């Protein structure tokens, strides 16, 4: 899932500025799971902004609404009237959600309430860890399901660097060496021969280095056209 953190209140207040009518839009998917931008967080943030405004001697009209997914226009269409009434729309979605709102409602001023961090998973209550860098060319089938792009600090593809020590990364002793994890996993599975295969240089054009990415499924486009 996409993992995000709420921005500091002072930064959010600065982005809101002098706007009198603010609509906080929460998202019911990833950022709800990581307790950053769901219905509960939208309500708490709305209360904080209202109280802060009163303490400063003025009132703001601050409303909250949470959609199932901010990254899909069909859910955003349902709140069009409320967006039209707002001076500023404060998105508690990930960066995709913020941009989806801004693109769907080009006349609206849309600001982010979250900092989008990474794609990861929860290790325990309140702890999330990065697991995927969306590089566009997955090699997990060769590395025991452990991603060297996301989990190796140097993104090495053919074994560890010379700086790892006792299974820890030289960048930070709290970071496990990804290649130590890969070795241990493949060894336990009896597939250690895979680690001897040389992985060719990565084609980074499949990742963000190749520019903004898009996937087009012609078979799905054809189905939509026929149904229309």
C-alpha atoms as a PDB file:
ATOM      1  CA  UNK A   1       0.000   0.000   0.000  1.00  0.00           C
ATOM      2  CA  UNK A   2       0.989   3.656  -0.297  1.00  0.00           C
ATOM      3  CA  UNK A   3       2.284   4.934   3.030  1.00  0.00           C
ATOM      4  CA  UNK A   4       2.000   8.617   3.961  1.00  0.00           C
ATOM      5  CA  UNK A   5       2.313  10.909   6.962  1.00  0.00           C
ATOM      6  CA  UNK A   6       0.279  13.976   7.814  1.00  0.00           C
ATOM      7  CA  UNK A   7       2.122  17.258   7.382  1.00  0.00           C
ATOM      8  CA  UNK A   8       2.837  19.358  10.491  1.00  0.00           C
ATOM      9  CA  UNK A   9      -0.140  21.495  11.495  1.00  0.00           C
ATOM     10  CA  UNK A  10       1.789  24.735  11.003  1.00  0.00           C
ATOM     11  CA  UNK A  11       2.631  23.786   7.427  1.00  0.00           C
ATOM     12  CA  UNK A  12      -1.001  22.930   6.707  1.00  0.00           C
ATOM     13  CA  UNK A  13      -2.121  26.238   8.228  1.00  0.00           C
ATOM     14  CA  UNK A  14       0.378  28.063   6.040  1.00  0.00           C
ATOM     15  CA  UNK A  15      -0.962  26.327   2.930  1.00  0.00           C
ATOM     16  CA  UNK A  16      -4.561  27.123   3.901  1.00  0.00           C
ATOM     17  CA  UNK A  17      -3.619  30.765   4.438  1.00  0.00           C
ATOM     18  CA  UNK A  18      -6.492  33.234   4.507  1.00  0.00           C
ATOM     19  CA  UNK A  19      -9.033  30.889   2.911  1.00  0.00           C
ATOM     20  CA  UNK A  20     -12.345  31.094   4.740  1.00  0.00           C
ATOM     21  CA  UNK A  21     -14.060  28.006   3.373  1.00  0.00           C
ATOM     22  CA  UNK A  22     -11.970  24.838   3.510  1.00  0.00           C
ATOM     23  CA  UNK A  23     -13.019  21.347   2.457  1.00  0.00           C
ATOM     24  CA  UNK A  24     -10.891  18.520   3.850  1.00  0.00           C
ATOM     25  CA  UNK A  25     -11.114  15.457   1.606  1.00  0.00           C
ATOM     26  CA  UNK A  26     -10.065  12.168   3.176  1.00  0.00           C
ATOM     27  CA  UNK A  27      -9.370   8.918   1.342  1.00  0.00           C
ATOM     28  CA  UNK A  28     -10.759   5.568   2.440  1.00  0.00           C
ATOM     29  CA  UNK A  29      -8.022   3.317   1.140  1.00  0.00           C
ATOM     30  CA  UNK A  30      -4.235   3.307   1.712  1.00  0.00           C
ATOM     31  CA  UNK A  31      -3.961   6.411   3.882  1.00  0.00           C
ATOM     32  CA  UNK A  32      -6.819   5.160   6.056  1.00  0.00           C
ATOM     33  CA  UNK A  33      -4.906   1.944   6.728  1.00  0.00           C
ATOM     34  CA  UNK A  34      -1.764   3.869   7.739  1.00  0.00           C
ATOM     35  CA  UNK A  35      -3.810   6.268   9.909  1.00  0.00           C
ATOM     36  CA  UNK A  36      -2.840   9.375   7.952  1.00  0.00           C
ATOM     37  CA  UNK A  37      -5.823  10.536   5.929  1.00  0.00           C
ATOM     38  CA  UNK A  38      -8.997   8.570   6.570  1.00  0.00           C
ATOM     39  CA  UNK A  39     -12.348   9.766   7.915  1.00  0.00           C
ATOM     40  CA  UNK A  40     -11.081   9.865  11.493  1.00  0.00           C
ATOM     41  CA  UNK A  41      -7.964  11.852  10.603  1.00  0.00           C
ATOM     42  CA  UNK A  42      -9.982  14.273   8.468  1.00  0.00           C
ATOM     43  CA  UNK A  43     -12.298  14.931  11.413  1.00  0.00           C
ATOM     44  CA  UNK A  44      -9.447  15.491  13.849  1.00  0.00           C
ATOM     45  CA  UNK A  45      -7.633  17.831  11.468  1.00  0.00           C
ATOM     46  CA  UNK A  46     -10.845  19.773  10.859  1.00  0.00           C
ATOM     47  CA  UNK A  47     -11.316  20.263  14.602  1.00  0.00           C
ATOM     48  CA  UNK A  48      -7.712  21.418  15.028  1.00  0.00           C
ATOM     49  CA  UNK A  49      -8.005  23.957  12.225  1.00  0.00           C
ATOM     50  CA  UNK A  50     -11.292  25.317  13.585  1.00  0.00           C
ATOM     51  CA  UNK A  51      -9.885  25.660  17.109  1.00  0.00           C
ATOM     52  CA  UNK A  52      -6.723  27.297  15.825  1.00  0.00           C
ATOM     53  CA  UNK A  53      -8.728  29.820  13.836  1.00  0.00           C
ATOM     54  CA  UNK A  54     -10.850  30.714  16.878  1.00  0.00           C
ATOM     55  CA  UNK A  55      -7.743  31.138  19.024  1.00  0.00           C
ATOM     56  CA  UNK A  56      -6.446  33.605  16.460  1.00  0.00           C
ATOM     57  CA  UNK A  57      -9.683  35.573  16.668  1.00  0.00           C
ATOM     58  CA  UNK A  58     -11.442  34.584  13.480  1.00  0.00           C
ATOM     59  CA  UNK A  59     -13.714  31.856  12.187  1.00  0.00           C
ATOM     60  CA  UNK A  60     -13.232  29.491   9.272  1.00  0.00           C
ATOM     61  CA  UNK A  61     -15.848  27.271   7.694  1.00  0.00           C
ATOM     62  CA  UNK A  62     -14.172  23.879   7.584  1.00  0.00           C
ATOM     63  CA  UNK A  63     -15.936  20.778   6.340  1.00  0.00           C
ATOM     64  CA  UNK A  64     -14.828  17.191   5.941  1.00  0.00           C
ATOM     65  CA  UNK A  65     -15.748  14.460   3.514  1.00  0.00           C
ATOM     66  CA  UNK A  66     -14.083  11.107   2.834  1.00  0.00           C
ATOM     67  CA  UNK A  67     -14.324   9.293  -0.479  1.00  0.00           C
ATOM     68  CA  UNK A  68     -13.546   5.636  -1.054  1.00  0.00           C
ATOM     69  CA  UNK A  69     -10.579   6.391  -3.315  1.00  0.00           C
ATOM     70  CA  UNK A  70      -9.240   9.788  -4.313  1.00  0.00           C
ATOM     71  CA  UNK A  71      -7.302   8.279  -7.200  1.00  0.00           C
ATOM     72  CA  UNK A  72     -10.453   7.468  -9.196  1.00  0.00           C
ATOM     73  CA  UNK A  73     -12.612  10.168 -10.711  1.00  0.00           C
ATOM     74  CA  UNK A  74     -15.875   8.288 -10.257  1.00  0.00           C
ATOM     75  CA  UNK A  75     -15.571   8.759  -6.493  1.00  0.00           C
ATOM     76  CA  UNK A  76     -14.570  12.410  -6.856  1.00  0.00           C
ATOM     77  CA  UNK A  77     -17.572  13.228  -9.031  1.00  0.00           C
ATOM     78  CA  UNK A  78     -19.876  12.664  -6.061  1.00  0.00           C
ATOM     79  CA  UNK A  79     -18.390  15.620  -4.158  1.00  0.00           C
ATOM     80  CA  UNK A  80     -18.313  18.150  -6.986  1.00  0.00           C
ATOM     81  CA  UNK A  81     -20.866  20.482  -5.370  1.00  0.00           C
ATOM     82  CA  UNK A  82     -18.902  20.668  -2.122  1.00  0.00           C
ATOM     83  CA  UNK A  83     -15.650  21.322  -3.943  1.00  0.00           C
ATOM     84  CA  UNK A  84     -17.276  24.183  -5.866  1.00  0.00           C
ATOM     85  CA  UNK A  85     -18.269  25.838  -2.575  1.00  0.00           C
ATOM     86  CA  UNK A  86     -14.748  25.716  -1.073  1.00  0.00           C
ATOM     87  CA  UNK A  87     -12.060  28.361  -1.311  1.00  0.00           C
ATOM     88  CA  UNK A  88      -9.464  25.642  -0.825  1.00  0.00           C
ATOM     89  CA  UNK A  89      -9.592  21.858  -0.991  1.00  0.00           C
ATOM     90  CA  UNK A  90      -7.247  20.193   1.492  1.00  0.00           C
ATOM     91  CA  UNK A  91      -6.522  16.667   0.295  1.00  0.00           C
ATOM     92  CA  UNK A  92      -5.615  13.946   2.755  1.00  0.00           C
ATOM     93  CA  UNK A  93      -4.903  11.541  -0.083  1.00  0.00           C
ATOM     94  CA  UNK A  94      -1.537  10.483  -1.413  1.00  0.00           C
ATOM     95  CA  UNK A  95       0.162  12.547  -4.108  1.00  0.00           C
ATOM     96  CA  UNK A  96      -1.912  10.773  -6.741  1.00  0.00           C
ATOM     97  CA  UNK A  97      -5.116  11.727  -4.953  1.00  0.00           C
ATOM     98  CA  UNK A  98      -4.083  15.388  -4.732  1.00  0.00           C
ATOM     99  CA  UNK A  99      -3.360  15.473  -8.452  1.00  0.00           C
ATOM    100  CA  UNK A 100      -6.542  13.594  -9.315  1.00  0.00           C
ATOM    101  CA  UNK A 101      -8.594  16.236  -7.481  1.00  0.00           C
ATOM    102  CA  UNK A 102      -6.693  19.062  -9.156  1.00  0.00           C
ATOM    103  CA  UNK A 103      -7.110  17.496 -12.581  1.00  0.00           C
ATOM    104  CA  UNK A 104     -10.788  16.677 -12.175  1.00  0.00           C
ATOM    105  CA  UNK A 105     -11.573  20.147 -10.806  1.00  0.00           C
ATOM    106  CA  UNK A 106      -9.156  22.507 -12.604  1.00  0.00           C
ATOM    107  CA  UNK A 107     -10.745  25.631 -11.096  1.00  0.00           C
ATOM    108  CA  UNK A 108     -10.276  24.399  -7.536  1.00  0.00           C
ATOM    109  CA  UNK A 109      -7.243  25.231  -5.413  1.00  0.00           C
ATOM    110  CA  UNK A 110      -6.084  21.853  -4.113  1.00  0.00           C
ATOM    111  CA  UNK A 111      -3.373  21.571  -1.452  1.00  0.00           C
ATOM    112  CA  UNK A 112      -1.775  18.478   0.154  1.00  0.00           C
ATOM    113  CA  UNK A 113      -2.220  17.617   3.798  1.00  0.00           C
ATOM    114  CA  UNK A 114       0.070  14.589   3.631  1.00  0.00           C
ATOM    115  CA  UNK A 115       3.617  13.748   2.648  1.00  0.00           C
ATOM    116  CA  UNK A 116       3.603  10.589   0.532  1.00  0.00           C
ATOM    117  CA  UNK A 117       6.482   8.359   1.621  1.00  0.00           C
ATOM    118  CA  UNK A 118       6.655   4.972  -0.112  1.00  0.00           C
ATOM    119  CA  UNK A 119       4.923   1.701  -0.976  1.00  0.00           C
ATOM    120  CA  UNK A 120       5.239  -0.659   1.947  1.00  0.00           C
ATOM    121  CA  UNK A 121       3.633  -2.905   4.497  1.00  0.00           C
ATOM    122  CA  UNK A 122       2.897  -2.781   8.242  1.00  0.00           C
ATOM    123  CA  UNK A 123       5.474  -4.657  10.307  1.00  0.00           C
ATOM    124  CA  UNK A 124       3.546  -4.084  13.517  1.00  0.00           C
ATOM    125  CA  UNK A 125       1.040  -1.608  14.905  1.00  0.00           C
ATOM    126  CA  UNK A 126       2.245   1.862  13.952  1.00  0.00           C
ATOM    127  CA  UNK A 127       5.308   0.694  11.992  1.00  0.00           C
ATOM    128  CA  UNK A 128       5.482   0.643   8.180  1.00  0.00           C
ATOM    129  CA  UNK A 129       8.437  -0.360   6.016  1.00  0.00           C
ATOM    130  CA  UNK A 130       9.224   0.263   2.359  1.00  0.00           C
ATOM    131  CA  UNK A 131       9.044  -2.822   0.179  1.00  0.00           C
ATOM    132  CA  UNK A 132       8.571  -1.684  -3.449  1.00  0.00           C
ATOM    133  CA  UNK A 133      10.087   1.129  -5.527  1.00  0.00           C
ATOM    134  CA  UNK A 134       7.768   0.608  -8.520  1.00  0.00           C
ATOM    135  CA  UNK A 135      10.764   0.169 -10.815  1.00  0.00           C
ATOM    136  CA  UNK A 136       8.638  -1.379 -13.554  1.00  0.00           C
ATOM    137  CA  UNK A 137      10.779  -4.510 -13.994  1.00  0.00           C
ATOM    138  CA  UNK A 138      10.182  -6.942 -11.145  1.00  0.00           C
ATOM    139  CA  UNK A 139      12.918  -9.476 -10.322  1.00  0.00           C
ATOM    140  CA  UNK A 140      11.429 -10.860  -7.107  1.00  0.00           C
ATOM    141  CA  UNK A 141      11.222 -14.314  -8.699  1.00  0.00           C
ATOM    142  CA  UNK A 142      15.026 -14.419  -8.744  1.00  0.00           C
ATOM    143  CA  UNK A 143      15.691 -12.920  -5.316  1.00  0.00           C
ATOM    144  CA  UNK A 144      13.508 -14.965  -3.002  1.00  0.00           C
ATOM    145  CA  UNK A 145      10.739 -12.373  -2.898  1.00  0.00           C
ATOM    146  CA  UNK A 146      13.058  -9.708  -1.435  1.00  0.00           C
ATOM    147  CA  UNK A 147      13.502  -6.564  -3.531  1.00  0.00           C
ATOM    148  CA  UNK A 148      17.084  -5.279  -3.876  1.00  0.00           C
ATOM    149  CA  UNK A 149      15.852  -2.092  -5.541  1.00  0.00           C
ATOM    150  CA  UNK A 150      13.724  -1.026  -2.576  1.00  0.00           C
ATOM    151  CA  UNK A 151      15.647  -2.694   0.232  1.00  0.00           C
ATOM    152  CA  UNK A 152      19.312  -2.392  -0.757  1.00  0.00           C
ATOM    153  CA  UNK A 153      20.507   1.135   0.004  1.00  0.00           C
ATOM    154  CA  UNK A 154      22.668   1.053  -3.139  1.00  0.00           C
ATOM    155  CA  UNK A 155      20.123  -0.799  -5.298  1.00  0.00           C
ATOM    156  CA  UNK A 156      22.699  -3.452  -6.173  1.00  0.00           C
ATOM    157  CA  UNK A 157      21.572  -6.309  -8.424  1.00  0.00           C
ATOM    158  CA  UNK A 158      24.403  -8.826  -8.073  1.00  0.00           C
ATOM    159  CA  UNK A 159      25.165  -9.308  -4.414  1.00  0.00           C
ATOM    160  CA  UNK A 160      26.166  -7.111  -1.499  1.00  0.00           C
ATOM    161  CA  UNK A 161      28.675  -4.280  -1.416  1.00  0.00           C
ATOM    162  CA  UNK A 162      31.805  -4.448   0.711  1.00  0.00           C
ATOM    163  CA  UNK A 163      30.307  -2.375   3.484  1.00  0.00           C
ATOM    164  CA  UNK A 164      27.774  -4.751   4.966  1.00  0.00           C
ATOM    165  CA  UNK A 165      28.733  -6.275   8.311  1.00  0.00           C
ATOM    166  CA  UNK A 166      27.038  -8.986  10.356  1.00  0.00           C
ATOM    167  CA  UNK A 167      23.975  -8.818   8.151  1.00  0.00           C
ATOM    168  CA  UNK A 168      23.557  -5.048   8.552  1.00  0.00           C
ATOM    169  CA  UNK A 169      23.835  -2.227   6.034  1.00  0.00           C
ATOM    170  CA  UNK A 170      26.705   0.256   6.304  1.00  0.00           C
ATOM    171  CA  UNK A 171      24.230   3.114   5.813  1.00  0.00           C
ATOM    172  CA  UNK A 172      22.544   2.378   9.127  1.00  0.00           C
ATOM    173  CA  UNK A 173      23.166  -0.524  11.540  1.00  0.00           C
ATOM    174  CA  UNK A 174      19.402  -0.824  12.024  1.00  0.00           C
ATOM    175  CA  UNK A 175      18.915  -1.626   8.331  1.00  0.00           C
ATOM    176  CA  UNK A 176      19.196  -5.273   7.384  1.00  0.00           C
ATOM    177  CA  UNK A 177      21.427  -5.998   4.410  1.00  0.00           C
ATOM    178  CA  UNK A 178      19.041  -6.890   1.602  1.00  0.00           C
ATOM    179  CA  UNK A 179      21.499  -9.273   0.014  1.00  0.00           C
ATOM    180  CA  UNK A 180      22.065 -11.093   3.273  1.00  0.00           C
ATOM    181  CA  UNK A 181      18.293 -11.567   3.452  1.00  0.00           C
ATOM    182  CA  UNK A 182      18.219 -12.745  -0.168  1.00  0.00           C
ATOM    183  CA  UNK A 183      21.057 -15.212   0.447  1.00  0.00           C
ATOM    184  CA  UNK A 184      19.442 -16.636   3.572  1.00  0.00           C
ATOM    185  CA  UNK A 185      16.062 -17.012   1.862  1.00  0.00           C
ATOM    186  CA  UNK A 186      17.397 -18.698  -1.278  1.00  0.00           C
ATOM    187  CA  UNK A 187      19.640 -20.956   0.813  1.00  0.00           C
ATOM    188  CA  UNK A 188      16.697 -22.054   2.963  1.00  0.00           C
ATOM    189  CA  UNK A 189      14.670 -22.803  -0.173  1.00  0.00           C
ATOM    190  CA  UNK A 190      17.466 -24.774  -1.836  1.00  0.00           C
ATOM    191  CA  UNK A 191      17.615 -22.251  -4.678  1.00  0.00           C
ATOM    192  CA  UNK A 192      21.026 -20.727  -3.992  1.00  0.00           C
ATOM    193  CA  UNK A 193      22.032 -21.356  -7.603  1.00  0.00           C
ATOM    194  CA  UNK A 194      19.945 -18.314  -8.544  1.00  0.00           C
ATOM    195  CA  UNK A 195      22.317 -15.987  -6.722  1.00  0.00           C
ATOM    196  CA  UNK A 196      25.130 -17.078  -9.048  1.00  0.00           C
ATOM    197  CA  UNK A 197      23.293 -15.871 -12.134  1.00  0.00           C
ATOM    198  CA  UNK A 198      24.489 -12.464 -13.328  1.00  0.00           C
ATOM    199  CA  UNK A 199      21.692  -9.940 -13.564  1.00  0.00           C
ATOM    200  CA  UNK A 200      22.333  -7.567 -16.491  1.00  0.00           C
ATOM    201  CA  UNK A 201      22.363  -3.787 -15.952  1.00  0.00           C
ATOM    202  CA  UNK A 202      18.876  -2.565 -15.195  1.00  0.00           C
ATOM    203  CA  UNK A 203      16.943  -0.689 -17.839  1.00  0.00           C
ATOM    204  CA  UNK A 204      15.910   2.261 -15.699  1.00  0.00           C
ATOM    205  CA  UNK A 205      13.595   3.506 -18.438  1.00  0.00           C
ATOM    206  CA  UNK A 206      10.970   1.169 -16.983  1.00  0.00           C
ATOM    207  CA  UNK A 207      11.170   3.189 -13.758  1.00  0.00           C
ATOM    208  CA  UNK A 208      10.754   6.874 -13.053  1.00  0.00           C
ATOM    209  CA  UNK A 209      13.980   7.694 -14.927  1.00  0.00           C
ATOM    210  CA  UNK A 210      12.142   7.055 -18.187  1.00  0.00           C
ATOM    211  CA  UNK A 211       9.692   9.897 -17.488  1.00  0.00           C
ATOM    212  CA  UNK A 212       6.035   9.751 -16.393  1.00  0.00           C
ATOM    213  CA  UNK A 213       4.665   6.267 -16.981  1.00  0.00           C
ATOM    214  CA  UNK A 214       1.374   5.043 -18.386  1.00  0.00           C
ATOM    215  CA  UNK A 215      -0.139   1.589 -18.907  1.00  0.00           C
ATOM    216  CA  UNK A 216      -2.593   1.149 -21.788  1.00  0.00           C
ATOM    217  CA  UNK A 217      -4.638  -2.055 -21.945  1.00  0.00           C
ATOM    218  CA  UNK A 218      -6.059  -2.108 -25.470  1.00  0.00           C
ATOM    219  CA  UNK A 219      -8.227  -5.137 -24.658  1.00  0.00           C
ATOM    220  CA  UNK A 220      -9.981  -3.230 -21.877  1.00  0.00           C
ATOM    221  CA  UNK A 221     -10.344  -0.114 -24.024  1.00  0.00           C
ATOM    222  CA  UNK A 222     -11.983  -2.242 -26.691  1.00  0.00           C
ATOM    223  CA  UNK A 223     -14.479  -3.672 -24.197  1.00  0.00           C
ATOM    224  CA  UNK A 224     -15.430  -0.183 -22.994  1.00  0.00           C
ATOM    225  CA  UNK A 225     -15.860   1.051 -26.575  1.00  0.00           C
ATOM    226  CA  UNK A 226     -18.093  -1.892 -27.501  1.00  0.00           C
ATOM    227  CA  UNK A 227     -20.250  -1.437 -24.394  1.00  0.00           C
ATOM    228  CA  UNK A 228     -20.663   2.266 -25.122  1.00  0.00           C
END
